[in-house]
């Protein structure tokens, strides 16, 4: 299952709840939100780094509030360093930070967030399909390799009995 980390500003929780609901319904992916993973005593920065590194995709909800958030900026940087796919959802009128500059993004209309969230979720569903196809291909390759190894062991065993 595709693992998705959502980067957002705390003041956008209502929007993120809606994004998460639509994403799960359309794409059927595992969504990670740091605020739903309470680990008392654990440093938030370390928890977030681990979650981003274990995710396949980082969805960045870049609103006016998120643009001002140091956490969101750090999460984008961690995702970039980790080589994660970054899917920006950018509120109309908000400039993307340098690391997101030049990337395609889904434009968020505050009056119709569902449209943007559906577009992003449909893209995540495509990524999920690609991930499943790759895993199936990897399994077939592993089975073929095991069959070759098994055949070689049988051949070596038969040759040593002569």
C-alpha atoms as a PDB file:
ATOM      1  CA  UNK A   1       0.000   0.000   0.000  1.00  0.00           C
ATOM      2  CA  UNK A   2       1.244   3.470  -0.891  1.00  0.00           C
ATOM      3  CA  UNK A   3       2.288   5.421   2.221  1.00  0.00           C
ATOM      4  CA  UNK A   4       1.477   9.130   2.123  1.00  0.00           C
ATOM      5  CA  UNK A   5       2.768  11.751   4.570  1.00  0.00           C
ATOM      6  CA  UNK A   6       0.711  14.960   4.670  1.00  0.00           C
ATOM      7  CA  UNK A   7       2.607  18.159   5.452  1.00  0.00           C
ATOM      8  CA  UNK A   8       0.375  20.985   6.665  1.00  0.00           C
ATOM      9  CA  UNK A   9      -0.013  23.904   9.042  1.00  0.00           C
ATOM     10  CA  UNK A  10      -1.836  23.192  12.282  1.00  0.00           C
ATOM     11  CA  UNK A  11      -4.314  25.948  11.486  1.00  0.00           C
ATOM     12  CA  UNK A  12      -5.418  23.958   8.416  1.00  0.00           C
ATOM     13  CA  UNK A  13      -6.615  20.863  10.333  1.00  0.00           C
ATOM     14  CA  UNK A  14     -10.176  21.086   8.982  1.00  0.00           C
ATOM     15  CA  UNK A  15      -8.868  21.153   5.407  1.00  0.00           C
ATOM     16  CA  UNK A  16      -6.477  18.293   6.140  1.00  0.00           C
ATOM     17  CA  UNK A  17      -9.285  16.197   7.616  1.00  0.00           C
ATOM     18  CA  UNK A  18     -11.178  16.670   4.357  1.00  0.00           C
ATOM     19  CA  UNK A  19      -8.073  15.944   2.250  1.00  0.00           C
ATOM     20  CA  UNK A  20      -7.414  12.764   4.223  1.00  0.00           C
ATOM     21  CA  UNK A  21     -11.018  11.580   3.849  1.00  0.00           C
ATOM     22  CA  UNK A  22     -11.035  12.113   0.081  1.00  0.00           C
ATOM     23  CA  UNK A  23      -7.559  10.628  -0.367  1.00  0.00           C
ATOM     24  CA  UNK A  24      -8.432   7.452   1.530  1.00  0.00           C
ATOM     25  CA  UNK A  25     -11.739   7.084  -0.357  1.00  0.00           C
ATOM     26  CA  UNK A  26     -10.351   7.618  -3.868  1.00  0.00           C
ATOM     27  CA  UNK A  27      -6.778   6.343  -3.656  1.00  0.00           C
ATOM     28  CA  UNK A  28      -7.049   3.758  -0.884  1.00  0.00           C
ATOM     29  CA  UNK A  29      -3.639   4.715   0.503  1.00  0.00           C
ATOM     30  CA  UNK A  30      -2.184   4.774   4.016  1.00  0.00           C
ATOM     31  CA  UNK A  31      -2.128   8.363   5.245  1.00  0.00           C
ATOM     32  CA  UNK A  32       0.253   9.538   7.964  1.00  0.00           C
ATOM     33  CA  UNK A  33      -0.342  12.685   9.981  1.00  0.00           C
ATOM     34  CA  UNK A  34       2.026  13.517  12.818  1.00  0.00           C
ATOM     35  CA  UNK A  35      -0.854  14.810  14.924  1.00  0.00           C
ATOM     36  CA  UNK A  36      -2.529  11.380  14.827  1.00  0.00           C
ATOM     37  CA  UNK A  37       0.652   9.628  16.003  1.00  0.00           C
ATOM     38  CA  UNK A  38       1.139  10.789  19.582  1.00  0.00           C
ATOM     39  CA  UNK A  39       4.404   9.483  21.073  1.00  0.00           C
ATOM     40  CA  UNK A  40       5.017  11.229  24.410  1.00  0.00           C
ATOM     41  CA  UNK A  41       8.702  11.870  25.055  1.00  0.00           C
ATOM     42  CA  UNK A  42       9.714  11.419  21.415  1.00  0.00           C
ATOM     43  CA  UNK A  43      11.141  14.458  19.662  1.00  0.00           C
ATOM     44  CA  UNK A  44       8.653  15.644  17.069  1.00  0.00           C
ATOM     45  CA  UNK A  45      11.386  16.405  14.532  1.00  0.00           C
ATOM     46  CA  UNK A  46      12.722  12.827  14.722  1.00  0.00           C
ATOM     47  CA  UNK A  47       9.224  11.342  14.500  1.00  0.00           C
ATOM     48  CA  UNK A  48       8.469  13.455  11.435  1.00  0.00           C
ATOM     49  CA  UNK A  49      11.801  12.573   9.750  1.00  0.00           C
ATOM     50  CA  UNK A  50      11.180   8.849  10.238  1.00  0.00           C
ATOM     51  CA  UNK A  51       7.637   9.149   8.912  1.00  0.00           C
ATOM     52  CA  UNK A  52       8.740  11.057   5.804  1.00  0.00           C
ATOM     53  CA  UNK A  53      11.567   8.608   5.110  1.00  0.00           C
ATOM     54  CA  UNK A  54       9.173   5.660   5.384  1.00  0.00           C
ATOM     55  CA  UNK A  55       6.579   7.304   3.117  1.00  0.00           C
ATOM     56  CA  UNK A  56       6.490   6.879  -0.645  1.00  0.00           C
ATOM     57  CA  UNK A  57       4.904  10.282  -1.209  1.00  0.00           C
ATOM     58  CA  UNK A  58       4.716  13.588   0.660  1.00  0.00           C
ATOM     59  CA  UNK A  59       1.616  15.674  -0.020  1.00  0.00           C
ATOM     60  CA  UNK A  60       2.216  19.311   0.879  1.00  0.00           C
ATOM     61  CA  UNK A  61      -0.886  21.364   1.599  1.00  0.00           C
ATOM     62  CA  UNK A  62       0.575  24.800   0.954  1.00  0.00           C
ATOM     63  CA  UNK A  63      -1.873  27.419   2.201  1.00  0.00           C
ATOM     64  CA  UNK A  64      -1.143  30.936   3.391  1.00  0.00           C
ATOM     65  CA  UNK A  65      -0.657  29.542   6.899  1.00  0.00           C
ATOM     66  CA  UNK A  66       1.553  26.674   5.732  1.00  0.00           C
ATOM     67  CA  UNK A  67       3.731  29.049   3.710  1.00  0.00           C
ATOM     68  CA  UNK A  68       4.657  30.758   7.001  1.00  0.00           C
ATOM     69  CA  UNK A  69       5.228  27.485   8.874  1.00  0.00           C
ATOM     70  CA  UNK A  70       8.840  26.539   9.605  1.00  0.00           C
ATOM     71  CA  UNK A  71       7.703  22.929  10.083  1.00  0.00           C
ATOM     72  CA  UNK A  72       6.214  22.699   6.596  1.00  0.00           C
ATOM     73  CA  UNK A  73       9.400  24.165   5.093  1.00  0.00           C
ATOM     74  CA  UNK A  74      11.509  21.612   7.005  1.00  0.00           C
ATOM     75  CA  UNK A  75       9.259  18.732   5.946  1.00  0.00           C
ATOM     76  CA  UNK A  76       9.593  19.745   2.297  1.00  0.00           C
ATOM     77  CA  UNK A  77      13.374  19.818   2.705  1.00  0.00           C
ATOM     78  CA  UNK A  78      13.447  16.383   4.381  1.00  0.00           C
ATOM     79  CA  UNK A  79      11.244  14.935   1.623  1.00  0.00           C
ATOM     80  CA  UNK A  80      13.497  16.422  -1.047  1.00  0.00           C
ATOM     81  CA  UNK A  81      16.651  15.050   0.642  1.00  0.00           C
ATOM     82  CA  UNK A  82      15.043  11.621   1.020  1.00  0.00           C
ATOM     83  CA  UNK A  83      14.107  11.572  -2.672  1.00  0.00           C
ATOM     84  CA  UNK A  84      10.396  11.277  -1.994  1.00  0.00           C
ATOM     85  CA  UNK A  85       7.744  12.146  -4.535  1.00  0.00           C
ATOM     86  CA  UNK A  86       6.345  15.521  -3.497  1.00  0.00           C
ATOM     87  CA  UNK A  87       2.772  16.384  -4.479  1.00  0.00           C
ATOM     88  CA  UNK A  88       2.121  20.070  -3.781  1.00  0.00           C
ATOM     89  CA  UNK A  89      -1.431  21.312  -3.341  1.00  0.00           C
ATOM     90  CA  UNK A  90      -1.006  25.083  -3.463  1.00  0.00           C
ATOM     91  CA  UNK A  91      -3.654  27.582  -2.444  1.00  0.00           C
ATOM     92  CA  UNK A  92      -4.403  30.100  -5.181  1.00  0.00           C
ATOM     93  CA  UNK A  93      -2.382  33.266  -4.563  1.00  0.00           C
ATOM     94  CA  UNK A  94       0.332  31.545  -2.509  1.00  0.00           C
ATOM     95  CA  UNK A  95       3.866  31.461  -3.897  1.00  0.00           C
ATOM     96  CA  UNK A  96       5.599  28.104  -3.678  1.00  0.00           C
ATOM     97  CA  UNK A  97       8.908  28.138  -1.776  1.00  0.00           C
ATOM     98  CA  UNK A  98      12.151  27.728  -3.725  1.00  0.00           C
ATOM     99  CA  UNK A  99      12.382  23.940  -3.378  1.00  0.00           C
ATOM    100  CA  UNK A 100       8.905  23.574  -4.931  1.00  0.00           C
ATOM    101  CA  UNK A 101       9.469  26.219  -7.587  1.00  0.00           C
ATOM    102  CA  UNK A 102       9.108  24.836 -11.100  1.00  0.00           C
ATOM    103  CA  UNK A 103       7.148  21.758  -9.992  1.00  0.00           C
ATOM    104  CA  UNK A 104       3.681  20.995 -11.218  1.00  0.00           C
ATOM    105  CA  UNK A 105       1.096  21.353  -8.497  1.00  0.00           C
ATOM    106  CA  UNK A 106      -2.605  21.083  -7.868  1.00  0.00           C
ATOM    107  CA  UNK A 107      -4.148  24.507  -7.416  1.00  0.00           C
ATOM    108  CA  UNK A 108      -6.365  24.787  -4.354  1.00  0.00           C
ATOM    109  CA  UNK A 109      -9.409  27.022  -4.621  1.00  0.00           C
ATOM    110  CA  UNK A 110     -10.448  27.769  -1.041  1.00  0.00           C
ATOM    111  CA  UNK A 111     -14.067  27.972  -2.236  1.00  0.00           C
ATOM    112  CA  UNK A 112     -13.873  24.420  -3.696  1.00  0.00           C
ATOM    113  CA  UNK A 113     -11.189  22.381  -1.921  1.00  0.00           C
ATOM    114  CA  UNK A 114     -12.867  19.106  -2.928  1.00  0.00           C
ATOM    115  CA  UNK A 115     -11.920  19.614  -6.577  1.00  0.00           C
ATOM    116  CA  UNK A 116      -8.225  19.997  -5.790  1.00  0.00           C
ATOM    117  CA  UNK A 117      -8.268  17.145  -3.287  1.00  0.00           C
ATOM    118  CA  UNK A 118      -9.948  14.802  -5.806  1.00  0.00           C
ATOM    119  CA  UNK A 119      -7.319  15.660  -8.448  1.00  0.00           C
ATOM    120  CA  UNK A 120      -4.501  14.967  -5.999  1.00  0.00           C
ATOM    121  CA  UNK A 121      -6.146  11.736  -4.806  1.00  0.00           C
ATOM    122  CA  UNK A 122      -6.572  10.501  -8.389  1.00  0.00           C
ATOM    123  CA  UNK A 123      -2.856  11.073  -8.974  1.00  0.00           C
ATOM    124  CA  UNK A 124      -2.063   9.164  -5.763  1.00  0.00           C
ATOM    125  CA  UNK A 125      -4.292   6.322  -6.994  1.00  0.00           C
ATOM    126  CA  UNK A 126      -2.141   6.149 -10.156  1.00  0.00           C
ATOM    127  CA  UNK A 127       0.990   6.008  -8.026  1.00  0.00           C
ATOM    128  CA  UNK A 128      -0.598   3.227  -5.937  1.00  0.00           C
ATOM    129  CA  UNK A 129      -1.329   1.243  -9.112  1.00  0.00           C
ATOM    130  CA  UNK A 130       2.286   1.669 -10.266  1.00  0.00           C
ATOM    131  CA  UNK A 131       3.587   0.566  -6.866  1.00  0.00           C
ATOM    132  CA  UNK A 132       1.406  -2.564  -6.931  1.00  0.00           C
ATOM    133  CA  UNK A 133       2.561  -3.396 -10.481  1.00  0.00           C
ATOM    134  CA  UNK A 134       6.206  -2.987  -9.467  1.00  0.00           C
ATOM    135  CA  UNK A 135       5.741  -5.226  -6.433  1.00  0.00           C
ATOM    136  CA  UNK A 136       4.059  -7.894  -8.581  1.00  0.00           C
ATOM    137  CA  UNK A 137       6.919  -7.702 -11.071  1.00  0.00           C
ATOM    138  CA  UNK A 138       9.479  -7.934  -8.250  1.00  0.00           C
ATOM    139  CA  UNK A 139       7.716 -11.007  -6.835  1.00  0.00           C
ATOM    140  CA  UNK A 140       7.758 -12.710 -10.249  1.00  0.00           C
ATOM    141  CA  UNK A 141      11.458 -11.952 -10.622  1.00  0.00           C
ATOM    142  CA  UNK A 142      12.167 -13.319  -7.138  1.00  0.00           C
ATOM    143  CA  UNK A 143      10.250 -16.537  -7.866  1.00  0.00           C
ATOM    144  CA  UNK A 144      12.139 -16.947 -11.149  1.00  0.00           C
ATOM    145  CA  UNK A 145      15.471 -16.400  -9.382  1.00  0.00           C
ATOM    146  CA  UNK A 146      14.561 -18.938  -6.698  1.00  0.00           C
ATOM    147  CA  UNK A 147      13.580 -21.451  -9.382  1.00  0.00           C
ATOM    148  CA  UNK A 148      16.957 -20.983 -11.086  1.00  0.00           C
ATOM    149  CA  UNK A 149      18.797 -21.385  -7.804  1.00  0.00           C
ATOM    150  CA  UNK A 150      16.742 -24.476  -6.956  1.00  0.00           C
ATOM    151  CA  UNK A 151      17.469 -25.950 -10.369  1.00  0.00           C
ATOM    152  CA  UNK A 152      21.167 -25.281  -9.957  1.00  0.00           C
ATOM    153  CA  UNK A 153      21.198 -26.947  -6.531  1.00  0.00           C
ATOM    154  CA  UNK A 154      19.436 -30.018  -7.922  1.00  0.00           C
ATOM    155  CA  UNK A 155      21.890 -30.146 -10.835  1.00  0.00           C
ATOM    156  CA  UNK A 156      24.899 -29.825  -8.523  1.00  0.00           C
ATOM    157  CA  UNK A 157      23.490 -32.530  -6.237  1.00  0.00           C
ATOM    158  CA  UNK A 158      22.912 -34.881  -9.169  1.00  0.00           C
ATOM    159  CA  UNK A 159      26.403 -34.221 -10.549  1.00  0.00           C
ATOM    160  CA  UNK A 160      28.039 -34.887  -7.171  1.00  0.00           C
ATOM    161  CA  UNK A 161      26.335 -38.301  -6.903  1.00  0.00           C
ATOM    162  CA  UNK A 162      27.980 -39.517 -10.134  1.00  0.00           C
END
